């Protein structure tokens, strides 16, 4: 059964850091992987992608603060988040891009508040 299991969310003060990890059931070394987020009342939007070659791209709201990485030997995609802001508060989802249907994790809550 295909699974994406996220961990690492939590509560952090502005300016703080968190690292999200997503462990997959494997077999996605040729897929682009991504992180999305969805704030309350907002649409789910992509914030970072990493191709199977390791090329990373970011939404302008997080560029320079967040880093996406993948370790295909460990079936893991991670998101390191620095200099967090209250507006980063959201549920974060890992994603595996597939031609017919993307795969999604269950979501991890990140709350940035003083």
PDB file of N, CA and C in Angstrom:
ATOM      1  N   UNK A   1       0.847  -1.180   0.000  1.00  0.00           N
ATOM      2  CA  UNK A   1       0.000   0.000   0.000  1.00  0.00           C
ATOM      3  C   UNK A   1       0.890   1.240   0.000  1.00  0.00           C
ATOM      4  N   UNK A   2       0.563   2.173  -0.896  1.00  0.00           N
ATOM      5  CA  UNK A   2       1.340   3.408  -0.981  1.00  0.00           C
ATOM      6  C   UNK A   2       1.008   4.302   0.202  1.00  0.00           C
ATOM      7  N   UNK A   3       2.065   4.786   0.844  1.00  0.00           N
ATOM      8  CA  UNK A   3       1.863   5.675   1.974  1.00  0.00           C
ATOM      9  C   UNK A   3       2.860   6.812   1.958  1.00  0.00           C
ATOM     10  N   UNK A   4       2.401   7.951   2.412  1.00  0.00           N
ATOM     11  CA  UNK A   4       3.253   9.094   2.672  1.00  0.00           C
ATOM     12  C   UNK A   4       2.952   9.524   4.105  1.00  0.00           C
ATOM     13  N   UNK A   5       3.942   9.452   4.967  1.00  0.00           N
ATOM     14  CA  UNK A   5       3.746   9.753   6.381  1.00  0.00           C
ATOM     15  C   UNK A   5       4.622  10.921   6.773  1.00  0.00           C
ATOM     16  N   UNK A   6       3.973  11.986   7.216  1.00  0.00           N
ATOM     17  CA  UNK A   6       4.684  13.205   7.569  1.00  0.00           C
ATOM     18  C   UNK A   6       4.933  13.285   9.072  1.00  0.00           C
ATOM     19  N   UNK A   7       5.977  14.021   9.414  1.00  0.00           N
ATOM     20  CA  UNK A   7       6.274  14.275  10.814  1.00  0.00           C
ATOM     21  C   UNK A   7       7.029  15.596  10.915  1.00  0.00           C
ATOM     22  N   UNK A   8       7.075  16.134  12.130  1.00  0.00           N
ATOM     23  CA  UNK A   8       7.899  17.304  12.380  1.00  0.00           C
ATOM     24  C   UNK A   8       7.154  18.608  12.543  1.00  0.00           C
ATOM     25  N   UNK A   9       5.850  18.601  12.406  1.00  0.00           N
ATOM     26  CA  UNK A   9       5.110  19.838  12.623  1.00  0.00           C
ATOM     27  C   UNK A   9       5.092  20.227  14.089  1.00  0.00           C
ATOM     28  N   UNK A  10       4.536  21.395  14.362  1.00  0.00           N
ATOM     29  CA  UNK A  10       4.451  21.831  15.744  1.00  0.00           C
ATOM     30  C   UNK A  10       4.264  23.315  15.880  1.00  0.00           C
ATOM     31  N   UNK A  11       4.514  23.778  17.096  1.00  0.00           N
ATOM     32  CA  UNK A  11       4.354  25.180  17.458  1.00  0.00           C
ATOM     33  C   UNK A  11       5.736  25.816  17.594  1.00  0.00           C
ATOM     34  N   UNK A  12       5.910  26.980  16.981  1.00  0.00           N
ATOM     35  CA  UNK A  12       7.205  27.652  17.024  1.00  0.00           C
ATOM     36  C   UNK A  12       6.993  29.158  17.068  1.00  0.00           C
ATOM     37  N   UNK A  13       7.931  29.863  17.663  1.00  0.00           N
ATOM     38  CA  UNK A  13       7.856  31.326  17.716  1.00  0.00           C
ATOM     39  C   UNK A  13       8.349  31.934  16.411  1.00  0.00           C
ATOM     40  N   UNK A  14       7.897  33.139  16.100  1.00  0.00           N
ATOM     41  CA  UNK A  14       8.415  33.828  14.907  1.00  0.00           C
ATOM     42  C   UNK A  14       9.931  33.892  14.939  1.00  0.00           C
ATOM     43  N   UNK A  15      10.526  33.629  13.776  1.00  0.00           N
ATOM     44  CA  UNK A  15      11.970  33.594  13.686  1.00  0.00           C
ATOM     45  C   UNK A  15      12.563  32.224  13.940  1.00  0.00           C
ATOM     46  N   UNK A  16      11.744  31.301  14.390  1.00  0.00           N
ATOM     47  CA  UNK A  16      12.225  29.965  14.704  1.00  0.00           C
ATOM     48  C   UNK A  16      12.304  29.063  13.490  1.00  0.00           C
ATOM     49  N   UNK A  17      12.662  27.809  13.740  1.00  0.00           N
ATOM     50  CA  UNK A  17      12.863  26.842  12.666  1.00  0.00           C
ATOM     51  C   UNK A  17      12.148  25.541  12.980  1.00  0.00           C
ATOM     52  N   UNK A  18      11.752  24.852  11.926  1.00  0.00           N
ATOM     53  CA  UNK A  18      11.191  23.510  12.021  1.00  0.00           C
ATOM     54  C   UNK A  18      11.636  22.730  10.798  1.00  0.00           C
ATOM     55  N   UNK A  19      11.677  21.413  10.956  1.00  0.00           N
ATOM     56  CA  UNK A  19      11.953  20.563   9.806  1.00  0.00           C
ATOM     57  C   UNK A  19      10.847  19.524   9.681  1.00  0.00           C
ATOM     58  N   UNK A  20      10.235  19.503   8.522  1.00  0.00           N
ATOM     59  CA  UNK A  20       9.227  18.497   8.207  1.00  0.00           C
ATOM     60  C   UNK A  20       9.868  17.363   7.414  1.00  0.00           C
ATOM     61  N   UNK A  21       9.449  16.155   7.718  1.00  0.00           N
ATOM     62  CA  UNK A  21       9.912  14.994   6.970  1.00  0.00           C
ATOM     63  C   UNK A  21       8.716  14.195   6.475  1.00  0.00           C
ATOM     64  N   UNK A  22       8.897  13.567   5.343  1.00  0.00           N
ATOM     65  CA  UNK A  22       7.844  12.733   4.769  1.00  0.00           C
ATOM     66  C   UNK A  22       8.483  11.442   4.292  1.00  0.00           C
ATOM     67  N   UNK A  23       8.098  10.356   4.913  1.00  0.00           N
ATOM     68  CA  UNK A  23       8.607   9.050   4.523  1.00  0.00           C
ATOM     69  C   UNK A  23       7.570   8.384   3.622  1.00  0.00           C
ATOM     70  N   UNK A  24       8.036   7.930   2.478  1.00  0.00           N
ATOM     71  CA  UNK A  24       7.123   7.274   1.532  1.00  0.00           C
ATOM     72  C   UNK A  24       7.334   5.765   1.559  1.00  0.00           C
ATOM     73  N   UNK A  25       6.449   5.088   0.899  1.00  0.00           N
ATOM     74  CA  UNK A  25       6.563   3.634   0.817  1.00  0.00           C
ATOM     75  C   UNK A  25       7.565   3.214  -0.243  1.00  0.00           C
ATOM     76  N   UNK A  26       8.142   4.204  -0.951  1.00  0.00           N
ATOM     77  CA  UNK A  26       9.221   3.911  -1.865  1.00  0.00           C
ATOM     78  C   UNK A  26       8.787   3.775  -3.315  1.00  0.00           C
ATOM     79  N   UNK A  27       9.776   3.758  -4.185  1.00  0.00           N
ATOM     80  CA  UNK A  27       9.502   3.587  -5.604  1.00  0.00           C
ATOM     81  C   UNK A  27       9.275   4.876  -6.352  1.00  0.00           C
ATOM     82  N   UNK A  28       9.680   6.006  -5.768  1.00  0.00           N
ATOM     83  CA  UNK A  28       9.396   7.311  -6.375  1.00  0.00           C
ATOM     84  C   UNK A  28      10.658   8.057  -6.778  1.00  0.00           C
ATOM     85  N   UNK A  29      11.735   7.348  -7.001  1.00  0.00           N
ATOM     86  CA  UNK A  29      12.993   8.022  -7.316  1.00  0.00           C
ATOM     87  C   UNK A  29      12.947   8.760  -8.651  1.00  0.00           C
ATOM     88  N   UNK A  30      11.987   8.453  -9.511  1.00  0.00           N
ATOM     89  CA  UNK A  30      11.867   9.146 -10.790  1.00  0.00           C
ATOM     90  C   UNK A  30      10.764  10.196 -10.791  1.00  0.00           C
ATOM     91  N   UNK A  31      10.168  10.412  -9.635  1.00  0.00           N
ATOM     92  CA  UNK A  31       9.058  11.368  -9.535  1.00  0.00           C
ATOM     93  C   UNK A  31       9.503  12.688  -8.942  1.00  0.00           C
ATOM     94  N   UNK A  32       8.893  13.747  -9.424  1.00  0.00           N
ATOM     95  CA  UNK A  32       9.019  15.024  -8.722  1.00  0.00           C
ATOM     96  C   UNK A  32       8.219  14.947  -7.416  1.00  0.00           C
ATOM     97  N   UNK A  33       8.800  15.509  -6.374  1.00  0.00           N
ATOM     98  CA  UNK A  33       8.135  15.544  -5.079  1.00  0.00           C
ATOM     99  C   UNK A  33       7.991  16.996  -4.652  1.00  0.00           C
ATOM    100  N   UNK A  34       7.043  17.236  -3.780  1.00  0.00           N
ATOM    101  CA  UNK A  34       6.739  18.629  -3.456  1.00  0.00           C
ATOM    102  C   UNK A  34       6.172  18.741  -2.045  1.00  0.00           C
ATOM    103  N   UNK A  35       6.174  19.965  -1.574  1.00  0.00           N
ATOM    104  CA  UNK A  35       5.463  20.340  -0.353  1.00  0.00           C
ATOM    105  C   UNK A  35       4.433  21.405  -0.708  1.00  0.00           C
ATOM    106  N   UNK A  36       3.235  21.221  -0.180  1.00  0.00           N
ATOM    107  CA  UNK A  36       2.153  22.182  -0.302  1.00  0.00           C
ATOM    108  C   UNK A  36       1.782  22.642   1.101  1.00  0.00           C
ATOM    109  N   UNK A  37       1.035  23.723   1.144  1.00  0.00           N
ATOM    110  CA  UNK A  37       0.471  24.128   2.433  1.00  0.00           C
ATOM    111  C   UNK A  37      -0.914  24.727   2.215  1.00  0.00           C
ATOM    112  N   UNK A  38      -1.682  24.653   3.276  1.00  0.00           N
ATOM    113  CA  UNK A  38      -3.046  25.184   3.224  1.00  0.00           C
ATOM    114  C   UNK A  38      -3.357  25.843   4.548  1.00  0.00           C
ATOM    115  N   UNK A  39      -3.484  27.159   4.502  1.00  0.00           N
ATOM    116  CA  UNK A  39      -3.896  27.904   5.681  1.00  0.00           C
ATOM    117  C   UNK A  39      -5.405  27.897   5.812  1.00  0.00           C
ATOM    118  N   UNK A  40      -5.890  28.254   6.970  1.00  0.00           N
ATOM    119  CA  UNK A  40      -7.327  28.260   7.234  1.00  0.00           C
ATOM    120  C   UNK A  40      -8.035  29.183   6.242  1.00  0.00           C
ATOM    121  N   UNK A  41      -9.020  28.628   5.550  1.00  0.00           N
ATOM    122  CA  UNK A  41      -9.780  29.407   4.584  1.00  0.00           C
ATOM    123  C   UNK A  41      -9.092  29.640   3.261  1.00  0.00           C
ATOM    124  N   UNK A  42      -7.927  29.037   3.087  1.00  0.00           N
ATOM    125  CA  UNK A  42      -7.164  29.242   1.850  1.00  0.00           C
ATOM    126  C   UNK A  42      -7.090  27.969   1.023  1.00  0.00           C
ATOM    127  N   UNK A  43      -6.703  28.141  -0.217  1.00  0.00           N
ATOM    128  CA  UNK A  43      -6.481  26.986  -1.079  1.00  0.00           C
ATOM    129  C   UNK A  43      -5.153  26.332  -0.744  1.00  0.00           C
ATOM    130  N   UNK A  44      -5.041  25.063  -1.076  1.00  0.00           N
ATOM    131  CA  UNK A  44      -3.764  24.368  -0.947  1.00  0.00           C
ATOM    132  C   UNK A  44      -2.860  24.826  -2.083  1.00  0.00           C
ATOM    133  N   UNK A  45      -1.678  25.302  -1.739  1.00  0.00           N
ATOM    134  CA  UNK A  45      -0.759  25.830  -2.741  1.00  0.00           C
ATOM    135  C   UNK A  45       0.617  25.190  -2.599  1.00  0.00           C
ATOM    136  N   UNK A  46       1.284  25.054  -3.725  1.00  0.00           N
ATOM    137  CA  UNK A  46       2.628  24.471  -3.727  1.00  0.00           C
ATOM    138  C   UNK A  46       3.632  25.517  -3.269  1.00  0.00           C
ATOM    139  N   UNK A  47       4.557  25.106  -2.422  1.00  0.00           N
ATOM    140  CA  UNK A  47       5.577  26.023  -1.945  1.00  0.00           C
ATOM    141  C   UNK A  47       6.986  25.591  -2.325  1.00  0.00           C
ATOM    142  N   UNK A  48       7.187  24.316  -2.577  1.00  0.00           N
ATOM    143  CA  UNK A  48       8.519  23.846  -2.946  1.00  0.00           C
ATOM    144  C   UNK A  48       8.405  22.533  -3.715  1.00  0.00           C
ATOM    145  N   UNK A  49       9.232  22.397  -4.722  1.00  0.00           N
ATOM    146  CA  UNK A  49       9.300  21.152  -5.492  1.00  0.00           C
ATOM    147  C   UNK A  49      10.755  20.731  -5.647  1.00  0.00           C
ATOM    148  N   UNK A  50      10.961  19.426  -5.790  1.00  0.00           N
ATOM    149  CA  UNK A  50      12.295  18.905  -6.091  1.00  0.00           C
ATOM    150  C   UNK A  50      12.138  17.798  -7.126  1.00  0.00           C
ATOM    151  N   UNK A  51      12.880  17.946  -8.216  1.00  0.00           N
ATOM    152  CA  UNK A  51      12.784  16.964  -9.295  1.00  0.00           C
ATOM    153  C   UNK A  51      13.581  15.717  -8.954  1.00  0.00           C
ATOM    154  N   UNK A  52      13.479  14.713  -9.803  1.00  0.00           N
ATOM    155  CA  UNK A  52      14.219  13.472  -9.542  1.00  0.00           C
ATOM    156  C   UNK A  52      15.726  13.698  -9.679  1.00  0.00           C
ATOM    157  N   UNK A  53      16.123  14.808 -10.353  1.00  0.00           N
ATOM    158  CA  UNK A  53      17.552  15.120 -10.465  1.00  0.00           C
ATOM    159  C   UNK A  53      18.036  15.986  -9.312  1.00  0.00           C
ATOM    160  N   UNK A  54      17.102  16.395  -8.455  1.00  0.00           N
ATOM    161  CA  UNK A  54      17.485  17.224  -7.317  1.00  0.00           C
ATOM    162  C   UNK A  54      17.293  18.716  -7.529  1.00  0.00           C
ATOM    163  N   UNK A  55      16.759  19.085  -8.698  1.00  0.00           N
ATOM    164  CA  UNK A  55      16.517  20.508  -8.937  1.00  0.00           C
ATOM    165  C   UNK A  55      15.356  20.975  -8.068  1.00  0.00           C
ATOM    166  N   UNK A  56      15.582  22.036  -7.322  1.00  0.00           N
ATOM    167  CA  UNK A  56      14.581  22.559  -6.402  1.00  0.00           C
ATOM    168  C   UNK A  56      14.052  23.910  -6.872  1.00  0.00           C
ATOM    169  N   UNK A  57      12.778  24.118  -6.616  1.00  0.00           N
ATOM    170  CA  UNK A  57      12.154  25.392  -6.944  1.00  0.00           C
ATOM    171  C   UNK A  57      11.229  25.774  -5.808  1.00  0.00           C
ATOM    172  N   UNK A  58      11.031  27.087  -5.628  1.00  0.00           N
ATOM    173  CA  UNK A  58      10.297  27.574  -4.474  1.00  0.00           C
ATOM    174  C   UNK A  58       9.311  28.667  -4.852  1.00  0.00           C
ATOM    175  N   UNK A  59       8.227  28.729  -4.102  1.00  0.00           N
ATOM    176  CA  UNK A  59       7.338  29.877  -4.179  1.00  0.00           C
ATOM    177  C   UNK A  59       8.072  31.075  -3.603  1.00  0.00           C
ATOM    178  N   UNK A  60       7.761  32.245  -4.139  1.00  0.00           N
ATOM    179  CA  UNK A  60       8.488  33.432  -3.708  1.00  0.00           C
ATOM    180  C   UNK A  60       8.273  33.740  -2.224  1.00  0.00           C
ATOM    181  N   UNK A  61       7.169  33.267  -1.659  1.00  0.00           N
ATOM    182  CA  UNK A  61       6.906  33.538  -0.236  1.00  0.00           C
ATOM    183  C   UNK A  61       7.872  32.809   0.692  1.00  0.00           C
ATOM    184  N   UNK A  62       8.502  31.736   0.200  1.00  0.00           N
ATOM    185  CA  UNK A  62       9.371  30.947   1.073  1.00  0.00           C
ATOM    186  C   UNK A  62      10.808  30.880   0.573  1.00  0.00           C
ATOM    187  N   UNK A  63      11.037  31.373  -0.615  1.00  0.00           N
ATOM    188  CA  UNK A  63      12.393  31.282  -1.186  1.00  0.00           C
ATOM    189  C   UNK A  63      13.385  31.999  -0.285  1.00  0.00           C
ATOM    190  N   UNK A  64      14.496  31.330  -0.025  1.00  0.00           N
ATOM    191  CA  UNK A  64      15.527  31.891   0.842  1.00  0.00           C
ATOM    192  C   UNK A  64      15.357  31.520   2.306  1.00  0.00           C
ATOM    193  N   UNK A  65      14.172  31.033   2.665  1.00  0.00           N
ATOM    194  CA  UNK A  65      13.928  30.633   4.054  1.00  0.00           C
ATOM    195  C   UNK A  65      13.719  29.126   4.196  1.00  0.00           C
ATOM    196  N   UNK A  66      13.141  28.520   3.175  1.00  0.00           N
ATOM    197  CA  UNK A  66      12.831  27.086   3.209  1.00  0.00           C
ATOM    198  C   UNK A  66      13.753  26.336   2.256  1.00  0.00           C
ATOM    199  N   UNK A  67      14.065  25.100   2.607  1.00  0.00           N
ATOM    200  CA  UNK A  67      14.884  24.241   1.752  1.00  0.00           C
ATOM    201  C   UNK A  67      14.238  22.865   1.648  1.00  0.00           C
ATOM    202  N   UNK A  68      13.971  22.447   0.427  1.00  0.00           N
ATOM    203  CA  UNK A  68      13.441  21.108   0.186  1.00  0.00           C
ATOM    204  C   UNK A  68      14.589  20.186  -0.200  1.00  0.00           C
ATOM    205  N   UNK A  69      14.522  18.953   0.258  1.00  0.00           N
ATOM    206  CA  UNK A  69      15.543  17.984  -0.101  1.00  0.00           C
ATOM    207  C   UNK A  69      14.913  16.598  -0.162  1.00  0.00           C
ATOM    208  N   UNK A  70      15.589  15.701  -0.818  1.00  0.00           N
ATOM    209  CA  UNK A  70      15.102  14.335  -0.925  1.00  0.00           C
ATOM    210  C   UNK A  70      16.263  13.367  -0.734  1.00  0.00           C
ATOM    211  N   UNK A  71      15.946  12.234  -0.176  1.00  0.00           N
ATOM    212  CA  UNK A  71      16.905  11.152  -0.015  1.00  0.00           C
ATOM    213  C   UNK A  71      16.211   9.885  -0.488  1.00  0.00           C
ATOM    214  N   UNK A  72      16.455   9.522  -1.722  1.00  0.00           N
ATOM    215  CA  UNK A  72      15.731   8.386  -2.300  1.00  0.00           C
ATOM    216  C   UNK A  72      16.166   7.058  -1.675  1.00  0.00           C
ATOM    217  N   UNK A  73      17.352   7.021  -1.130  1.00  0.00           N
ATOM    218  CA  UNK A  73      17.785   5.796  -0.449  1.00  0.00           C
ATOM    219  C   UNK A  73      16.974   5.554   0.814  1.00  0.00           C
ATOM    220  N   UNK A  74      16.475   6.643   1.398  1.00  0.00           N
ATOM    221  CA  UNK A  74      15.664   6.542   2.617  1.00  0.00           C
ATOM    222  C   UNK A  74      14.190   6.807   2.345  1.00  0.00           C
ATOM    223  N   UNK A  75      13.842   6.964   1.062  1.00  0.00           N
ATOM    224  CA  UNK A  75      12.438   7.215   0.684  1.00  0.00           C
ATOM    225  C   UNK A  75      11.868   8.408   1.440  1.00  0.00           C
ATOM    226  N   UNK A  76      12.627   9.491   1.477  1.00  0.00           N
ATOM    227  CA  UNK A  76      12.250  10.632   2.296  1.00  0.00           C
ATOM    228  C   UNK A  76      12.362  11.923   1.509  1.00  0.00           C
ATOM    229  N   UNK A  77      11.395  12.809   1.727  1.00  0.00           N
ATOM    230  CA  UNK A  77      11.497  14.189   1.263  1.00  0.00           C
ATOM    231  C   UNK A  77      11.300  15.076   2.483  1.00  0.00           C
ATOM    232  N   UNK A  78      12.134  16.105   2.591  1.00  0.00           N
ATOM    233  CA  UNK A  78      12.117  16.948   3.776  1.00  0.00           C
ATOM    234  C   UNK A  78      11.952  18.408   3.395  1.00  0.00           C
ATOM    235  N   UNK A  79      11.504  19.182   4.382  1.00  0.00           N
ATOM    236  CA  UNK A  79      11.383  20.618   4.209  1.00  0.00           C
ATOM    237  C   UNK A  79      11.930  21.284   5.455  1.00  0.00           C
ATOM    238  N   UNK A  80      13.055  21.944   5.298  1.00  0.00           N
ATOM    239  CA  UNK A  80      13.640  22.693   6.402  1.00  0.00           C
ATOM    240  C   UNK A  80      13.149  24.120   6.312  1.00  0.00           C
ATOM    241  N   UNK A  81      12.583  24.605   7.404  1.00  0.00           N
ATOM    242  CA  UNK A  81      11.949  25.921   7.410  1.00  0.00           C
ATOM    243  C   UNK A  81      12.634  26.804   8.444  1.00  0.00           C
ATOM    244  N   UNK A  82      13.173  27.912   7.994  1.00  0.00           N
ATOM    245  CA  UNK A  82      13.864  28.856   8.862  1.00  0.00           C
ATOM    246  C   UNK A  82      13.176  30.215   8.823  1.00  0.00           C
ATOM    247  N   UNK A  83      13.467  31.019   9.837  1.00  0.00           N
ATOM    248  CA  UNK A  83      12.906  32.372   9.915  1.00  0.00           C
ATOM    249  C   UNK A  83      11.399  32.332   9.708  1.00  0.00           C
ATOM    250  N   UNK A  84      10.759  31.474  10.439  1.00  0.00           N
ATOM    251  CA  UNK A  84       9.318  31.296  10.271  1.00  0.00           C
ATOM    252  C   UNK A  84       8.548  32.540  10.692  1.00  0.00           C
ATOM    253  N   UNK A  85       7.447  32.765   9.991  1.00  0.00           N
ATOM    254  CA  UNK A  85       6.607  33.927  10.221  1.00  0.00           C
ATOM    255  C   UNK A  85       5.187  33.470  10.552  1.00  0.00           C
ATOM    256  N   UNK A  86       4.412  34.307  11.223  1.00  0.00           N
ATOM    257  CA  UNK A  86       3.026  33.906  11.521  1.00  0.00           C
ATOM    258  C   UNK A  86       2.237  33.503  10.276  1.00  0.00           C
ATOM    259  N   UNK A  87       2.532  34.135   9.160  1.00  0.00           N
ATOM    260  CA  UNK A  87       1.802  33.810   7.930  1.00  0.00           C
ATOM    261  C   UNK A  87       2.204  32.452   7.346  1.00  0.00           C
ATOM    262  N   UNK A  88       3.213  31.811   7.912  1.00  0.00           N
ATOM    263  CA  UNK A  88       3.555  30.451   7.504  1.00  0.00           C
ATOM    264  C   UNK A  88       2.666  29.415   8.191  1.00  0.00           C
ATOM    265  N   UNK A  89       1.860  29.854   9.128  1.00  0.00           N
ATOM    266  CA  UNK A  89       0.951  28.942   9.819  1.00  0.00           C
ATOM    267  C   UNK A  89       0.017  28.276   8.817  1.00  0.00           C
ATOM    268  N   UNK A  90       0.016  26.946   8.819  1.00  0.00           N
ATOM    269  CA  UNK A  90      -0.777  26.196   7.842  1.00  0.00           C
ATOM    270  C   UNK A  90      -0.624  24.708   8.130  1.00  0.00           C
ATOM    271  N   UNK A  91      -1.425  23.930   7.425  1.00  0.00           N
ATOM    272  CA  UNK A  91      -1.188  22.492   7.365  1.00  0.00           C
ATOM    273  C   UNK A  91      -0.320  22.232   6.140  1.00  0.00           C
ATOM    274  N   UNK A  92       0.757  21.501   6.348  1.00  0.00           N
ATOM    275  CA  UNK A  92       1.727  21.229   5.288  1.00  0.00           C
ATOM    276  C   UNK A  92       1.570  19.782   4.814  1.00  0.00           C
ATOM    277  N   UNK A  93       1.568  19.616   3.493  1.00  0.00           N
ATOM    278  CA  UNK A  93       1.348  18.305   2.885  1.00  0.00           C
ATOM    279  C   UNK A  93       2.518  17.942   1.976  1.00  0.00           C
ATOM    280  N   UNK A  94       3.015  16.742   2.108  1.00  0.00           N
ATOM    281  CA  UNK A  94       3.966  16.273   1.109  1.00  0.00           C
ATOM    282  C   UNK A  94       3.205  15.655  -0.052  1.00  0.00           C
ATOM    283  N   UNK A  95       3.851  15.640  -1.190  1.00  0.00           N
ATOM    284  CA  UNK A  95       3.175  15.286  -2.438  1.00  0.00           C
ATOM    285  C   UNK A  95       4.149  14.569  -3.356  1.00  0.00           C
ATOM    286  N   UNK A  96       3.654  13.543  -4.024  1.00  0.00           N
ATOM    287  CA  UNK A  96       4.412  12.858  -5.067  1.00  0.00           C
ATOM    288  C   UNK A  96       3.643  13.038  -6.373  1.00  0.00           C
ATOM    289  N   UNK A  97       4.304  13.605  -7.352  1.00  0.00           N
ATOM    290  CA  UNK A  97       3.656  13.854  -8.645  1.00  0.00           C
ATOM    291  C   UNK A  97       3.617  12.567  -9.475  1.00  0.00           C
ATOM    292  N   UNK A  98       2.459  12.250  -9.956  1.00  0.00           N
ATOM    293  CA  UNK A  98       2.279  11.098 -10.828  1.00  0.00           C
ATOM    294  C   UNK A  98       1.400  11.513 -12.002  1.00  0.00           C
ATOM    295  N   UNK A  99       1.571  10.858 -13.148  1.00  0.00           N
ATOM    296  CA  UNK A  99       0.809  11.266 -14.345  1.00  0.00           C
ATOM    297  C   UNK A  99      -0.709  11.212 -14.159  1.00  0.00           C
ATOM    298  N   UNK A 100      -1.195  10.192 -13.494  1.00  0.00           N
ATOM    299  CA  UNK A 100      -2.645  10.038 -13.387  1.00  0.00           C
ATOM    300  C   UNK A 100      -3.206  10.639 -12.103  1.00  0.00           C
ATOM    301  N   UNK A 101      -2.496  10.453 -11.022  1.00  0.00           N
ATOM    302  CA  UNK A 101      -3.030  10.923  -9.746  1.00  0.00           C
ATOM    303  C   UNK A 101      -1.888  11.144  -8.763  1.00  0.00           C
ATOM    304  N   UNK A 102      -1.812  12.353  -8.259  1.00  0.00           N
ATOM    305  CA  UNK A 102      -0.790  12.651  -7.257  1.00  0.00           C
ATOM    306  C   UNK A 102      -1.087  11.895  -5.960  1.00  0.00           C
ATOM    307  N   UNK A 103      -0.032  11.710  -5.197  1.00  0.00           N
ATOM    308  CA  UNK A 103      -0.163  11.105  -3.877  1.00  0.00           C
ATOM    309  C   UNK A 103       0.061  12.169  -2.816  1.00  0.00           C
ATOM    310  N   UNK A 104      -0.646  12.036  -1.706  1.00  0.00           N
ATOM    311  CA  UNK A 104      -0.598  13.044  -0.656  1.00  0.00           C
ATOM    312  C   UNK A 104      -0.370  12.429   0.705  1.00  0.00           C
ATOM    313  N   UNK A 105       0.371  13.170   1.537  1.00  0.00           N
ATOM    314  CA  UNK A 105       0.448  12.818   2.927  1.00  0.00           C
ATOM    315  C   UNK A 105      -0.785  13.299   3.671  1.00  0.00           C
ATOM    316  N   UNK A 106      -0.818  12.979   4.966  1.00  0.00           N
ATOM    317  CA  UNK A 106      -2.001  13.293   5.769  1.00  0.00           C
ATOM    318  C   UNK A 106      -2.008  14.738   6.253  1.00  0.00           C
ATOM    319  N   UNK A 107      -0.865  15.401   6.156  1.00  0.00           N
ATOM    320  CA  UNK A 107      -0.777  16.790   6.604  1.00  0.00           C
ATOM    321  C   UNK A 107      -0.141  16.914   7.970  1.00  0.00           C
ATOM    322  N   UNK A 108       0.615  17.973   8.143  1.00  0.00           N
ATOM    323  CA  UNK A 108       1.263  18.281   9.427  1.00  0.00           C
ATOM    324  C   UNK A 108       1.013  19.750   9.755  1.00  0.00           C
ATOM    325  N   UNK A 109       0.502  19.992  10.941  1.00  0.00           N
ATOM    326  CA  UNK A 109       0.184  21.366  11.341  1.00  0.00           C
ATOM    327  C   UNK A 109       1.462  22.091  11.769  1.00  0.00           C
ATOM    328  N   UNK A 110       1.649  23.273  11.224  1.00  0.00           N
ATOM    329  CA  UNK A 110       2.719  24.175  11.652  1.00  0.00           C
ATOM    330  C   UNK A 110       2.060  25.469  12.110  1.00  0.00           C
ATOM    331  N   UNK A 111       2.337  25.846  13.338  1.00  0.00           N
ATOM    332  CA  UNK A 111       1.766  27.069  13.907  1.00  0.00           C
ATOM    333  C   UNK A 111       2.902  27.963  14.364  1.00  0.00           C
ATOM    334  N   UNK A 112       2.902  29.188  13.852  1.00  0.00           N
ATOM    335  CA  UNK A 112       3.936  30.153  14.204  1.00  0.00           C
ATOM    336  C   UNK A 112       3.266  31.286  14.968  1.00  0.00           C
ATOM    337  N   UNK A 113       3.594  31.374  16.246  1.00  0.00           N
ATOM    338  CA  UNK A 113       2.954  32.379  17.077  1.00  0.00           C
ATOM    339  C   UNK A 113       3.838  32.706  18.269  1.00  0.00           C
ATOM    340  N   UNK A 114       3.726  33.943  18.728  1.00  0.00           N
ATOM    341  CA  UNK A 114       4.468  34.339  19.923  1.00  0.00           C
ATOM    342  C   UNK A 114       3.611  34.156  21.167  1.00  0.00           C
TER     343      UNK A 114
END
